[in-house]
Amino acid sequence: MAAQAIQRAKEKGDFSASTLAYYEELLKDSFVLKDMHTFRHALNILENPRLVNLYPQVFCDLFEQLMWIDDGPKEGLFSTVLSEVRSKLLNLSTLRDVLGLCKM
């Protein structure tokens, strides 16, 4: 879009602000500014250390519990997941993270 605006300005021989404002028009008519508005809080979420530490570890631990074979019978899928969620994810920090995702 920037290239289109520059090409248009070059063809006109006019690089004034009013001619280069075509770039902003192109942006407004595309998905770019809409996506920037939609995902304006994404950096706050991506900077959350639990996103790269806690949550992947919880899923790995859960998967290990589901796949581990030992001497006794396994608990059901639902009870295993519920137990893991209760013990590691049922807290105020997780609730804040979920609400932060809902802002997106």
PDB file of N, CA and C in Angstrom:
ATOM      1  N   MET A   1       0.814  -1.175   0.000  1.00  0.00           N
ATOM      2  CA  MET A   1       0.000   0.000   0.000  1.00  0.00           C
ATOM      3  C   MET A   1       0.867   1.252   0.000  1.00  0.00           C
ATOM      4  N   ALA A   2       1.963   1.200   0.750  1.00  0.00           N
ATOM      5  CA  ALA A   2       2.887   2.336   0.740  1.00  0.00           C
ATOM      6  C   ALA A   2       3.490   2.492  -0.648  1.00  0.00           C
ATOM      7  N   ALA A   3       3.829   1.370  -1.260  1.00  0.00           N
ATOM      8  CA  ALA A   3       4.398   1.418  -2.609  1.00  0.00           C
ATOM      9  C   ALA A   3       3.385   1.981  -3.605  1.00  0.00           C
ATOM     10  N   GLN A   4       2.132   1.611  -3.446  1.00  0.00           N
ATOM     11  CA  GLN A   4       1.093   2.136  -4.337  1.00  0.00           C
ATOM     12  C   GLN A   4       0.964   3.649  -4.180  1.00  0.00           C
ATOM     13  N   ALA A   5       1.005   4.122  -2.947  1.00  0.00           N
ATOM     14  CA  ALA A   5       0.903   5.559  -2.700  1.00  0.00           C
ATOM     15  C   ALA A   5       2.095   6.305  -3.274  1.00  0.00           C
ATOM     16  N   ILE A   6       3.278   5.741  -3.124  1.00  0.00           N
ATOM     17  CA  ILE A   6       4.483   6.381  -3.662  1.00  0.00           C
ATOM     18  C   ILE A   6       4.449   6.373  -5.181  1.00  0.00           C
ATOM     19  N   GLN A   7       4.032   5.251  -5.754  1.00  0.00           N
ATOM     20  CA  GLN A   7       3.942   5.168  -7.213  1.00  0.00           C
ATOM     21  C   GLN A   7       2.955   6.206  -7.746  1.00  0.00           C
ATOM     22  N   ARG A   8       1.851   6.347  -7.082  1.00  0.00           N
ATOM     23  CA  ARG A   8       0.851   7.338  -7.511  1.00  0.00           C
ATOM     24  C   ARG A   8       1.421   8.754  -7.406  1.00  0.00           C
ATOM     25  N   ALA A   9       2.117   9.043  -6.307  1.00  0.00           N
ATOM     26  CA  ALA A   9       2.726  10.362  -6.131  1.00  0.00           C
ATOM     27  C   ALA A   9       3.788  10.611  -7.191  1.00  0.00           C
ATOM     28  N   LYS A  10       4.554   9.577  -7.528  1.00  0.00           N
ATOM     29  CA  LYS A  10       5.597   9.713  -8.550  1.00  0.00           C
ATOM     30  C   LYS A  10       4.974  10.002  -9.910  1.00  0.00           C
ATOM     31  N   GLU A  11       3.897   9.293 -10.222  1.00  0.00           N
ATOM     32  CA  GLU A  11       3.205   9.523 -11.500  1.00  0.00           C
ATOM     33  C   GLU A  11       2.666  10.944 -11.591  1.00  0.00           C
ATOM     34  N   LYS A  12       2.195  11.473 -10.473  1.00  0.00           N
ATOM     35  CA  LYS A  12       1.671  12.839 -10.443  1.00  0.00           C
ATOM     36  C   LYS A  12       2.789  13.871 -10.327  1.00  0.00           C
ATOM     37  N   GLY A  13       3.966  13.412  -9.900  1.00  0.00           N
ATOM     38  CA  GLY A  13       5.060  14.349  -9.657  1.00  0.00           C
ATOM     39  C   GLY A  13       4.786  15.229  -8.452  1.00  0.00           C
ATOM     40  N   ASP A  14       4.034  14.710  -7.523  1.00  0.00           N
ATOM     41  CA  ASP A  14       3.612  15.478  -6.350  1.00  0.00           C
ATOM     42  C   ASP A  14       3.759  14.602  -5.111  1.00  0.00           C
ATOM     43  N   PHE A  15       4.693  14.965  -4.260  1.00  0.00           N
ATOM     44  CA  PHE A  15       4.927  14.209  -3.032  1.00  0.00           C
ATOM     45  C   PHE A  15       4.456  14.981  -1.798  1.00  0.00           C
ATOM     46  N   SER A  16       3.464  15.801  -1.975  1.00  0.00           N
ATOM     47  CA  SER A  16       2.923  16.580  -0.858  1.00  0.00           C
ATOM     48  C   SER A  16       2.136  15.668   0.088  1.00  0.00           C
ATOM     49  N   ALA A  17       1.850  16.211   1.260  1.00  0.00           N
ATOM     50  CA  ALA A  17       1.104  15.449   2.270  1.00  0.00           C
ATOM     51  C   ALA A  17      -0.271  15.050   1.764  1.00  0.00           C
ATOM     52  N   SER A  18      -0.897  15.922   0.991  1.00  0.00           N
ATOM     53  CA  SER A  18      -2.242  15.607   0.504  1.00  0.00           C
ATOM     54  C   SER A  18      -2.211  14.447  -0.493  1.00  0.00           C
ATOM     55  N   THR A  19      -1.193  14.377  -1.314  1.00  0.00           N
ATOM     56  CA  THR A  19      -1.083  13.262  -2.266  1.00  0.00           C
ATOM     57  C   THR A  19      -0.706  11.973  -1.537  1.00  0.00           C
ATOM     58  N   LEU A  20       0.213  12.070  -0.594  1.00  0.00           N
ATOM     59  CA  LEU A  20       0.642  10.879   0.147  1.00  0.00           C
ATOM     60  C   LEU A  20      -0.422  10.402   1.137  1.00  0.00           C
ATOM     61  N   ALA A  21      -1.452  11.210   1.373  1.00  0.00           N
ATOM     62  CA  ALA A  21      -2.563  10.788   2.231  1.00  0.00           C
ATOM     63  C   ALA A  21      -3.311   9.615   1.608  1.00  0.00           C
ATOM     64  N   TYR A  22      -3.048   9.346   0.340  1.00  0.00           N
ATOM     65  CA  TYR A  22      -3.631   8.185  -0.337  1.00  0.00           C
ATOM     66  C   TYR A  22      -3.258   6.896   0.404  1.00  0.00           C
ATOM     67  N   TYR A  23      -2.072   6.887   0.985  1.00  0.00           N
ATOM     68  CA  TYR A  23      -1.632   5.727   1.769  1.00  0.00           C
ATOM     69  C   TYR A  23      -2.596   5.462   2.927  1.00  0.00           C
ATOM     70  N   GLU A  24      -2.980   6.510   3.635  1.00  0.00           N
ATOM     71  CA  GLU A  24      -3.922   6.354   4.745  1.00  0.00           C
ATOM     72  C   GLU A  24      -5.281   5.871   4.249  1.00  0.00           C
ATOM     73  N   GLU A  25      -5.708   6.360   3.100  1.00  0.00           N
ATOM     74  CA  GLU A  25      -6.974   5.890   2.511  1.00  0.00           C
ATOM     75  C   GLU A  25      -6.914   4.396   2.239  1.00  0.00           C
ATOM     76  N   LEU A  26      -5.804   3.954   1.660  1.00  0.00           N
ATOM     77  CA  LEU A  26      -5.646   2.531   1.368  1.00  0.00           C
ATOM     78  C   LEU A  26      -5.684   1.702   2.645  1.00  0.00           C
ATOM     79  N   LEU A  27      -5.021   2.197   3.678  1.00  0.00           N
ATOM     80  CA  LEU A  27      -5.021   1.486   4.955  1.00  0.00           C
ATOM     81  C   LEU A  27      -6.425   1.396   5.542  1.00  0.00           C
ATOM     82  N   LYS A  28      -7.160   2.486   5.489  1.00  0.00           N
ATOM     83  CA  LYS A  28      -8.524   2.502   6.037  1.00  0.00           C
ATOM     84  C   LYS A  28      -9.453   1.568   5.269  1.00  0.00           C
ATOM     85  N   ASP A  29      -9.213   1.428   3.975  1.00  0.00           N
ATOM     86  CA  ASP A  29     -10.061   0.562   3.154  1.00  0.00           C
ATOM     87  C   ASP A  29      -9.678  -0.911   3.255  1.00  0.00           C
ATOM     88  N   SER A  30      -8.544  -1.188   3.878  1.00  0.00           N
ATOM     89  CA  SER A  30      -8.091  -2.581   3.998  1.00  0.00           C
ATOM     90  C   SER A  30      -8.386  -3.110   5.399  1.00  0.00           C
ATOM     91  N   PHE A  31      -7.890  -4.298   5.663  1.00  0.00           N
ATOM     92  CA  PHE A  31      -8.057  -4.930   6.970  1.00  0.00           C
ATOM     93  C   PHE A  31      -6.999  -4.476   7.976  1.00  0.00           C
ATOM     94  N   VAL A  32      -5.964  -3.798   7.530  1.00  0.00           N
ATOM     95  CA  VAL A  32      -4.793  -3.527   8.372  1.00  0.00           C
ATOM     96  C   VAL A  32      -5.157  -2.736   9.626  1.00  0.00           C
ATOM     97  N   LEU A  33      -5.795  -1.593   9.479  1.00  0.00           N
ATOM     98  CA  LEU A  33      -6.133  -0.784  10.650  1.00  0.00           C
ATOM     99  C   LEU A  33      -7.173  -1.467  11.529  1.00  0.00           C
ATOM    100  N   LYS A  34      -8.067  -2.216  10.920  1.00  0.00           N
ATOM    101  CA  LYS A  34      -9.063  -2.951  11.701  1.00  0.00           C
ATOM    102  C   LYS A  34      -8.367  -3.995  12.580  1.00  0.00           C
ATOM    103  N   ASP A  35      -7.405  -4.722  11.996  1.00  0.00           N
ATOM    104  CA  ASP A  35      -6.669  -5.719  12.772  1.00  0.00           C
ATOM    105  C   ASP A  35      -5.815  -5.067  13.858  1.00  0.00           C
ATOM    106  N   MET A  36      -5.217  -3.936  13.540  1.00  0.00           N
ATOM    107  CA  MET A  36      -4.417  -3.246  14.552  1.00  0.00           C
ATOM    108  C   MET A  36      -5.282  -2.839  15.738  1.00  0.00           C
ATOM    109  N   HIS A  37      -6.498  -2.416  15.469  1.00  0.00           N
ATOM    110  CA  HIS A  37      -7.410  -2.056  16.554  1.00  0.00           C
ATOM    111  C   HIS A  37      -7.854  -3.310  17.323  1.00  0.00           C
ATOM    112  N   THR A  38      -8.187  -4.353  16.605  1.00  0.00           N
ATOM    113  CA  THR A  38      -8.644  -5.592  17.241  1.00  0.00           C
ATOM    114  C   THR A  38      -7.582  -6.175  18.167  1.00  0.00           C
ATOM    115  N   PHE A  39      -6.338  -6.157  17.746  1.00  0.00           N
ATOM    116  CA  PHE A  39      -5.259  -6.801  18.499  1.00  0.00           C
ATOM    117  C   PHE A  39      -4.375  -5.802  19.236  1.00  0.00           C
ATOM    118  N   ARG A  40      -4.929  -4.653  19.600  1.00  0.00           N
ATOM    119  CA  ARG A  40      -4.143  -3.603  20.250  1.00  0.00           C
ATOM    120  C   ARG A  40      -3.610  -4.029  21.621  1.00  0.00           C
ATOM    121  N   HIS A  41      -4.219  -5.013  22.262  1.00  0.00           N
ATOM    122  CA  HIS A  41      -3.765  -5.478  23.585  1.00  0.00           C
ATOM    123  C   HIS A  41      -2.887  -6.728  23.490  1.00  0.00           C
ATOM    124  N   ALA A  42      -2.563  -7.159  22.299  1.00  0.00           N
ATOM    125  CA  ALA A  42      -1.828  -8.418  22.120  1.00  0.00           C
ATOM    126  C   ALA A  42      -0.460  -8.400  22.791  1.00  0.00           C
ATOM    127  N   LEU A  43       0.242  -7.281  22.748  1.00  0.00           N
ATOM    128  CA  LEU A  43       1.572  -7.241  23.364  1.00  0.00           C
ATOM    129  C   LEU A  43       1.505  -7.492  24.868  1.00  0.00           C
ATOM    130  N   ASN A  44       0.492  -6.947  25.517  1.00  0.00           N
ATOM    131  CA  ASN A  44       0.351  -7.186  26.959  1.00  0.00           C
ATOM    132  C   ASN A  44       0.204  -8.672  27.245  1.00  0.00           C
ATOM    133  N   ILE A  45      -0.529  -9.355  26.414  1.00  0.00           N
ATOM    134  CA  ILE A  45      -0.749 -10.785  26.608  1.00  0.00           C
ATOM    135  C   ILE A  45       0.526 -11.563  26.292  1.00  0.00           C
ATOM    136  N   LEU A  46       1.188 -11.203  25.210  1.00  0.00           N
ATOM    137  CA  LEU A  46       2.394 -11.926  24.802  1.00  0.00           C
ATOM    138  C   LEU A  46       3.561 -11.713  25.765  1.00  0.00           C
ATOM    139  N   GLU A  47       3.547 -10.626  26.521  1.00  0.00           N
ATOM    140  CA  GLU A  47       4.609 -10.359  27.489  1.00  0.00           C
ATOM    141  C   GLU A  47       4.382 -11.086  28.819  1.00  0.00           C
ATOM    142  N   ASN A  48       3.267 -11.766  28.943  1.00  0.00           N
ATOM    143  CA  ASN A  48       2.928 -12.475  30.164  1.00  0.00           C
ATOM    144  C   ASN A  48       3.820 -13.719  30.303  1.00  0.00           C
ATOM    145  N   PRO A  49       4.640 -13.803  31.347  1.00  0.00           N
ATOM    146  CA  PRO A  49       5.541 -14.956  31.491  1.00  0.00           C
ATOM    147  C   PRO A  49       4.803 -16.293  31.653  1.00  0.00           C
ATOM    148  N   ARG A  50       3.571 -16.257  32.174  1.00  0.00           N
ATOM    149  CA  ARG A  50       2.825 -17.513  32.327  1.00  0.00           C
ATOM    150  C   ARG A  50       2.486 -18.126  30.964  1.00  0.00           C
ATOM    151  N   LEU A  51       2.424 -17.298  29.946  1.00  0.00           N
ATOM    152  CA  LEU A  51       2.102 -17.783  28.607  1.00  0.00           C
ATOM    153  C   LEU A  51       3.185 -18.719  28.072  1.00  0.00           C
ATOM    154  N   VAL A  52       4.411 -18.487  28.461  1.00  0.00           N
ATOM    155  CA  VAL A  52       5.501 -19.336  27.963  1.00  0.00           C
ATOM    156  C   VAL A  52       6.063 -20.280  29.016  1.00  0.00           C
ATOM    157  N   ASN A  53       5.669 -20.087  30.273  1.00  0.00           N
ATOM    158  CA  ASN A  53       6.182 -20.949  31.334  1.00  0.00           C
ATOM    159  C   ASN A  53       5.107 -21.876  31.906  1.00  0.00           C
ATOM    160  N   LEU A  54       4.147 -21.299  32.558  1.00  0.00           N
ATOM    161  CA  LEU A  54       3.162 -22.082  33.287  1.00  0.00           C
ATOM    162  C   LEU A  54       2.236 -22.874  32.377  1.00  0.00           C
ATOM    163  N   TYR A  55       1.586 -22.204  31.444  1.00  0.00           N
ATOM    164  CA  TYR A  55       0.552 -22.875  30.651  1.00  0.00           C
ATOM    165  C   TYR A  55       1.096 -24.015  29.797  1.00  0.00           C
ATOM    166  N   PRO A  56       2.209 -23.852  29.115  1.00  0.00           N
ATOM    167  CA  PRO A  56       2.745 -25.022  28.394  1.00  0.00           C
ATOM    168  C   PRO A  56       3.123 -26.170  29.336  1.00  0.00           C
ATOM    169  N   GLN A  57       3.658 -25.826  30.523  1.00  0.00           N
ATOM    170  CA  GLN A  57       4.033 -26.871  31.476  1.00  0.00           C
ATOM    171  C   GLN A  57       2.806 -27.622  31.981  1.00  0.00           C
ATOM    172  N   VAL A  58       1.719 -26.903  32.220  1.00  0.00           N
ATOM    173  CA  VAL A  58       0.483 -27.553  32.670  1.00  0.00           C
ATOM    174  C   VAL A  58      -0.005 -28.536  31.611  1.00  0.00           C
ATOM    175  N   PHE A  59       0.014 -28.119  30.359  1.00  0.00           N
ATOM    176  CA  PHE A  59      -0.437 -29.019  29.288  1.00  0.00           C
ATOM    177  C   PHE A  59       0.489 -30.217  29.132  1.00  0.00           C
ATOM    178  N   CYS A  60       1.783 -30.007  29.279  1.00  0.00           N
ATOM    179  CA  CYS A  60       2.721 -31.136  29.213  1.00  0.00           C
ATOM    180  C   CYS A  60       2.493 -32.108  30.368  1.00  0.00           C
ATOM    181  N   ASP A  61       2.305 -31.555  31.575  1.00  0.00           N
ATOM    182  CA  ASP A  61       2.043 -32.413  32.734  1.00  0.00           C
ATOM    183  C   ASP A  61       0.748 -33.192  32.553  1.00  0.00           C
ATOM    184  N   LEU A  62      -0.273 -32.525  32.045  1.00  0.00           N
ATOM    185  CA  LEU A  62      -1.555 -33.191  31.815  1.00  0.00           C
ATOM    186  C   LEU A  62      -1.402 -34.311  30.800  1.00  0.00           C
ATOM    187  N   PHE A  63      -0.706 -34.032  29.718  1.00  0.00           N
ATOM    188  CA  PHE A  63      -0.500 -35.047  28.683  1.00  0.00           C
ATOM    189  C   PHE A  63       0.288 -36.231  29.237  1.00  0.00           C
ATOM    190  N   GLU A  64       1.288 -35.930  30.073  1.00  0.00           N
ATOM    191  CA  GLU A  64       2.067 -37.006  30.686  1.00  0.00           C
ATOM    192  C   GLU A  64       1.181 -37.875  31.584  1.00  0.00           C
ATOM    193  N   GLN A  65       0.320 -37.242  32.370  1.00  0.00           N
ATOM    194  CA  GLN A  65      -0.592 -38.011  33.226  1.00  0.00           C
ATOM    195  C   GLN A  65      -1.515 -38.896  32.403  1.00  0.00           C
ATOM    196  N   LEU A  66      -1.976 -38.363  31.280  1.00  0.00           N
ATOM    197  CA  LEU A  66      -2.889 -39.134  30.434  1.00  0.00           C
ATOM    198  C   LEU A  66      -2.190 -40.315  29.752  1.00  0.00           C
ATOM    199  N   MET A  67      -0.917 -40.163  29.440  1.00  0.00           N
ATOM    200  CA  MET A  67      -0.202 -41.189  28.681  1.00  0.00           C
ATOM    201  C   MET A  67       0.631 -42.132  29.547  1.00  0.00           C
ATOM    202  N   TRP A  68       0.882 -41.754  30.798  1.00  0.00           N
ATOM    203  CA  TRP A  68       1.732 -42.559  31.665  1.00  0.00           C
ATOM    204  C   TRP A  68       1.051 -43.892  31.993  1.00  0.00           C
ATOM    205  N   ILE A  69       1.825 -44.944  31.871  1.00  0.00           N
ATOM    206  CA  ILE A  69       1.313 -46.284  32.190  1.00  0.00           C
ATOM    207  C   ILE A  69       2.033 -46.773  33.435  1.00  0.00           C
ATOM    208  N   ASP A  70       1.242 -47.089  34.447  1.00  0.00           N
ATOM    209  CA  ASP A  70       1.842 -47.637  35.666  1.00  0.00           C
ATOM    210  C   ASP A  70       1.060 -48.878  36.090  1.00  0.00           C
ATOM    211  N   ASP A  71       1.201 -49.279  37.332  1.00  0.00           N
ATOM    212  CA  ASP A  71       0.607 -50.534  37.805  1.00  0.00           C
ATOM    213  C   ASP A  71      -0.905 -50.489  37.983  1.00  0.00           C
ATOM    214  N   GLY A  72      -1.451 -49.329  38.271  1.00  0.00           N
ATOM    215  CA  GLY A  72      -2.874 -49.250  38.589  1.00  0.00           C
ATOM    216  C   GLY A  72      -3.708 -48.728  37.427  1.00  0.00           C
ATOM    217  N   PRO A  73      -5.018 -48.762  37.608  1.00  0.00           N
ATOM    218  CA  PRO A  73      -5.911 -48.248  36.565  1.00  0.00           C
ATOM    219  C   PRO A  73      -5.852 -46.721  36.505  1.00  0.00           C
ATOM    220  N   LYS A  74      -6.158 -46.218  35.361  1.00  0.00           N
ATOM    221  CA  LYS A  74      -6.160 -44.771  35.151  1.00  0.00           C
ATOM    222  C   LYS A  74      -7.492 -44.179  35.584  1.00  0.00           C
ATOM    223  N   GLU A  75      -7.422 -42.910  35.971  1.00  0.00           N
ATOM    224  CA  GLU A  75      -8.658 -42.175  36.210  1.00  0.00           C
ATOM    225  C   GLU A  75      -9.229 -41.800  34.845  1.00  0.00           C
ATOM    226  N   GLY A  76     -10.463 -41.387  34.815  1.00  0.00           N
ATOM    227  CA  GLY A  76     -11.082 -40.972  33.570  1.00  0.00           C
ATOM    228  C   GLY A  76     -10.489 -39.670  33.056  1.00  0.00           C
ATOM    229  N   LEU A  77     -10.700 -39.408  31.799  1.00  0.00           N
ATOM    230  CA  LEU A  77     -10.167 -38.209  31.152  1.00  0.00           C
ATOM    231  C   LEU A  77     -10.659 -36.941  31.853  1.00  0.00           C
ATOM    232  N   PHE A  78     -11.961 -36.850  32.075  1.00  0.00           N
ATOM    233  CA  PHE A  78     -12.533 -35.654  32.676  1.00  0.00           C
ATOM    234  C   PHE A  78     -11.974 -35.402  34.066  1.00  0.00           C
ATOM    235  N   SER A  79     -11.899 -36.426  34.889  1.00  0.00           N
ATOM    236  CA  SER A  79     -11.398 -36.236  36.252  1.00  0.00           C
ATOM    237  C   SER A  79      -9.916 -35.883  36.259  1.00  0.00           C
ATOM    238  N   THR A  80      -9.145 -36.423  35.334  1.00  0.00           N
ATOM    239  CA  THR A  80      -7.720 -36.092  35.240  1.00  0.00           C
ATOM    240  C   THR A  80      -7.548 -34.627  34.854  1.00  0.00           C
ATOM    241  N   VAL A  81      -8.289 -34.180  33.847  1.00  0.00           N
ATOM    242  CA  VAL A  81      -8.200 -32.788  33.405  1.00  0.00           C
ATOM    243  C   VAL A  81      -8.676 -31.860  34.519  1.00  0.00           C
ATOM    244  N   LEU A  82      -9.782 -32.180  35.136  1.00  0.00           N
ATOM    245  CA  LEU A  82     -10.332 -31.347  36.201  1.00  0.00           C
ATOM    246  C   LEU A  82      -9.356 -31.230  37.367  1.00  0.00           C
ATOM    247  N   SER A  83      -8.727 -32.310  37.729  1.00  0.00           N
ATOM    248  CA  SER A  83      -7.756 -32.300  38.820  1.00  0.00           C
ATOM    249  C   SER A  83      -6.575 -31.388  38.488  1.00  0.00           C
ATOM    250  N   GLU A  84      -6.076 -31.483  37.268  1.00  0.00           N
ATOM    251  CA  GLU A  84      -4.940 -30.657  36.841  1.00  0.00           C
ATOM    252  C   GLU A  84      -5.323 -29.175  36.807  1.00  0.00           C
ATOM    253  N   VAL A  85      -6.491 -28.892  36.289  1.00  0.00           N
ATOM    254  CA  VAL A  85      -6.950 -27.502  36.217  1.00  0.00           C
ATOM    255  C   VAL A  85      -7.146 -26.938  37.616  1.00  0.00           C
ATOM    256  N   ARG A  86      -7.763 -27.701  38.490  1.00  0.00           N
ATOM    257  CA  ARG A  86      -7.983 -27.233  39.867  1.00  0.00           C
ATOM    258  C   ARG A  86      -6.666 -26.956  40.580  1.00  0.00           C
ATOM    259  N   SER A  87      -5.717 -27.845  40.415  1.00  0.00           N
ATOM    260  CA  SER A  87      -4.479 -27.713  41.187  1.00  0.00           C
ATOM    261  C   SER A  87      -3.549 -26.629  40.647  1.00  0.00           C
ATOM    262  N   LYS A  88      -3.584 -26.367  39.334  1.00  0.00           N
ATOM    263  CA  LYS A  88      -2.593 -25.446  38.768  1.00  0.00           C
ATOM    264  C   LYS A  88      -3.166 -24.207  38.093  1.00  0.00           C
ATOM    265  N   LEU A  89      -4.420 -24.245  37.709  1.00  0.00           N
ATOM    266  CA  LEU A  89      -4.953 -23.122  36.933  1.00  0.00           C
ATOM    267  C   LEU A  89      -6.109 -22.386  37.587  1.00  0.00           C
ATOM    268  N   LEU A  90      -6.616 -22.898  38.667  1.00  0.00           N
ATOM    269  CA  LEU A  90      -7.770 -22.269  39.304  1.00  0.00           C
ATOM    270  C   LEU A  90      -7.272 -21.224  40.307  1.00  0.00           C
ATOM    271  N   ASN A  91      -6.925 -20.034  39.772  1.00  0.00           N
ATOM    272  CA  ASN A  91      -6.435 -18.959  40.626  1.00  0.00           C
ATOM    273  C   ASN A  91      -6.724 -17.608  39.969  1.00  0.00           C
ATOM    274  N   LEU A  92      -6.438 -16.554  40.685  1.00  0.00           N
ATOM    275  CA  LEU A  92      -6.740 -15.204  40.219  1.00  0.00           C
ATOM    276  C   LEU A  92      -5.908 -14.816  38.993  1.00  0.00           C
ATOM    277  N   SER A  93      -4.658 -15.245  38.938  1.00  0.00           N
ATOM    278  CA  SER A  93      -3.794 -14.915  37.802  1.00  0.00           C
ATOM    279  C   SER A  93      -4.345 -15.490  36.498  1.00  0.00           C
ATOM    280  N   THR A  94      -4.789 -16.722  36.548  1.00  0.00           N
ATOM    281  CA  THR A  94      -5.352 -17.357  35.356  1.00  0.00           C
ATOM    282  C   THR A  94      -6.628 -16.637  34.928  1.00  0.00           C
ATOM    283  N   LEU A  95      -7.442 -16.264  35.897  1.00  0.00           N
ATOM    284  CA  LEU A  95      -8.663 -15.530  35.590  1.00  0.00           C
ATOM    285  C   LEU A  95      -8.339 -14.203  34.906  1.00  0.00           C
ATOM    286  N   ARG A  96      -7.338 -13.494  35.424  1.00  0.00           N
ATOM    287  CA  ARG A  96      -6.914 -12.244  34.780  1.00  0.00           C
ATOM    288  C   ARG A  96      -6.424 -12.489  33.361  1.00  0.00           C
ATOM    289  N   ASP A  97      -5.683 -13.570  33.159  1.00  0.00           N
ATOM    290  CA  ASP A  97      -5.177 -13.884  31.816  1.00  0.00           C
ATOM    291  C   ASP A  97      -6.325 -14.171  30.848  1.00  0.00           C
ATOM    292  N   VAL A  98      -7.318 -14.905  31.311  1.00  0.00           N
ATOM    293  CA  VAL A  98      -8.481 -15.205  30.469  1.00  0.00           C
ATOM    294  C   VAL A  98      -9.228 -13.925  30.134  1.00  0.00           C
ATOM    295  N   LEU A  99      -9.415 -13.063  31.107  1.00  0.00           N
ATOM    296  CA  LEU A  99     -10.096 -11.791  30.850  1.00  0.00           C
ATOM    297  C   LEU A  99      -9.293 -10.923  29.887  1.00  0.00           C
ATOM    298  N   GLY A 100      -7.970 -10.984  29.993  1.00  0.00           N
ATOM    299  CA  GLY A 100      -7.113 -10.249  29.053  1.00  0.00           C
ATOM    300  C   GLY A 100      -7.279 -10.749  27.633  1.00  0.00           C
ATOM    301  N   LEU A 101      -7.419 -12.064  27.488  1.00  0.00           N
ATOM    302  CA  LEU A 101      -7.659 -12.634  26.158  1.00  0.00           C
ATOM    303  C   LEU A 101      -9.006 -12.201  25.608  1.00  0.00           C
ATOM    304  N   CYS A 102      -9.967 -12.027  26.494  1.00  0.00           N
ATOM    305  CA  CYS A 102     -11.305 -11.619  26.044  1.00  0.00           C
ATOM    306  C   CYS A 102     -11.315 -10.192  25.521  1.00  0.00           C
ATOM    307  N   LYS A 103     -10.340  -9.380  25.920  1.00  0.00           N
ATOM    308  CA  LYS A 103     -10.247  -7.997  25.425  1.00  0.00           C
ATOM    309  C   LYS A 103      -9.832  -7.959  23.960  1.00  0.00           C
ATOM    310  N   MET A 104      -9.215  -9.023  23.516  1.00  0.00           N
ATOM    311  CA  MET A 104      -8.701  -9.020  22.137  1.00  0.00           C
ATOM    312  C   MET A 104      -9.804  -9.085  21.141  1.00  0.00           C
TER     313      MET A 104
END
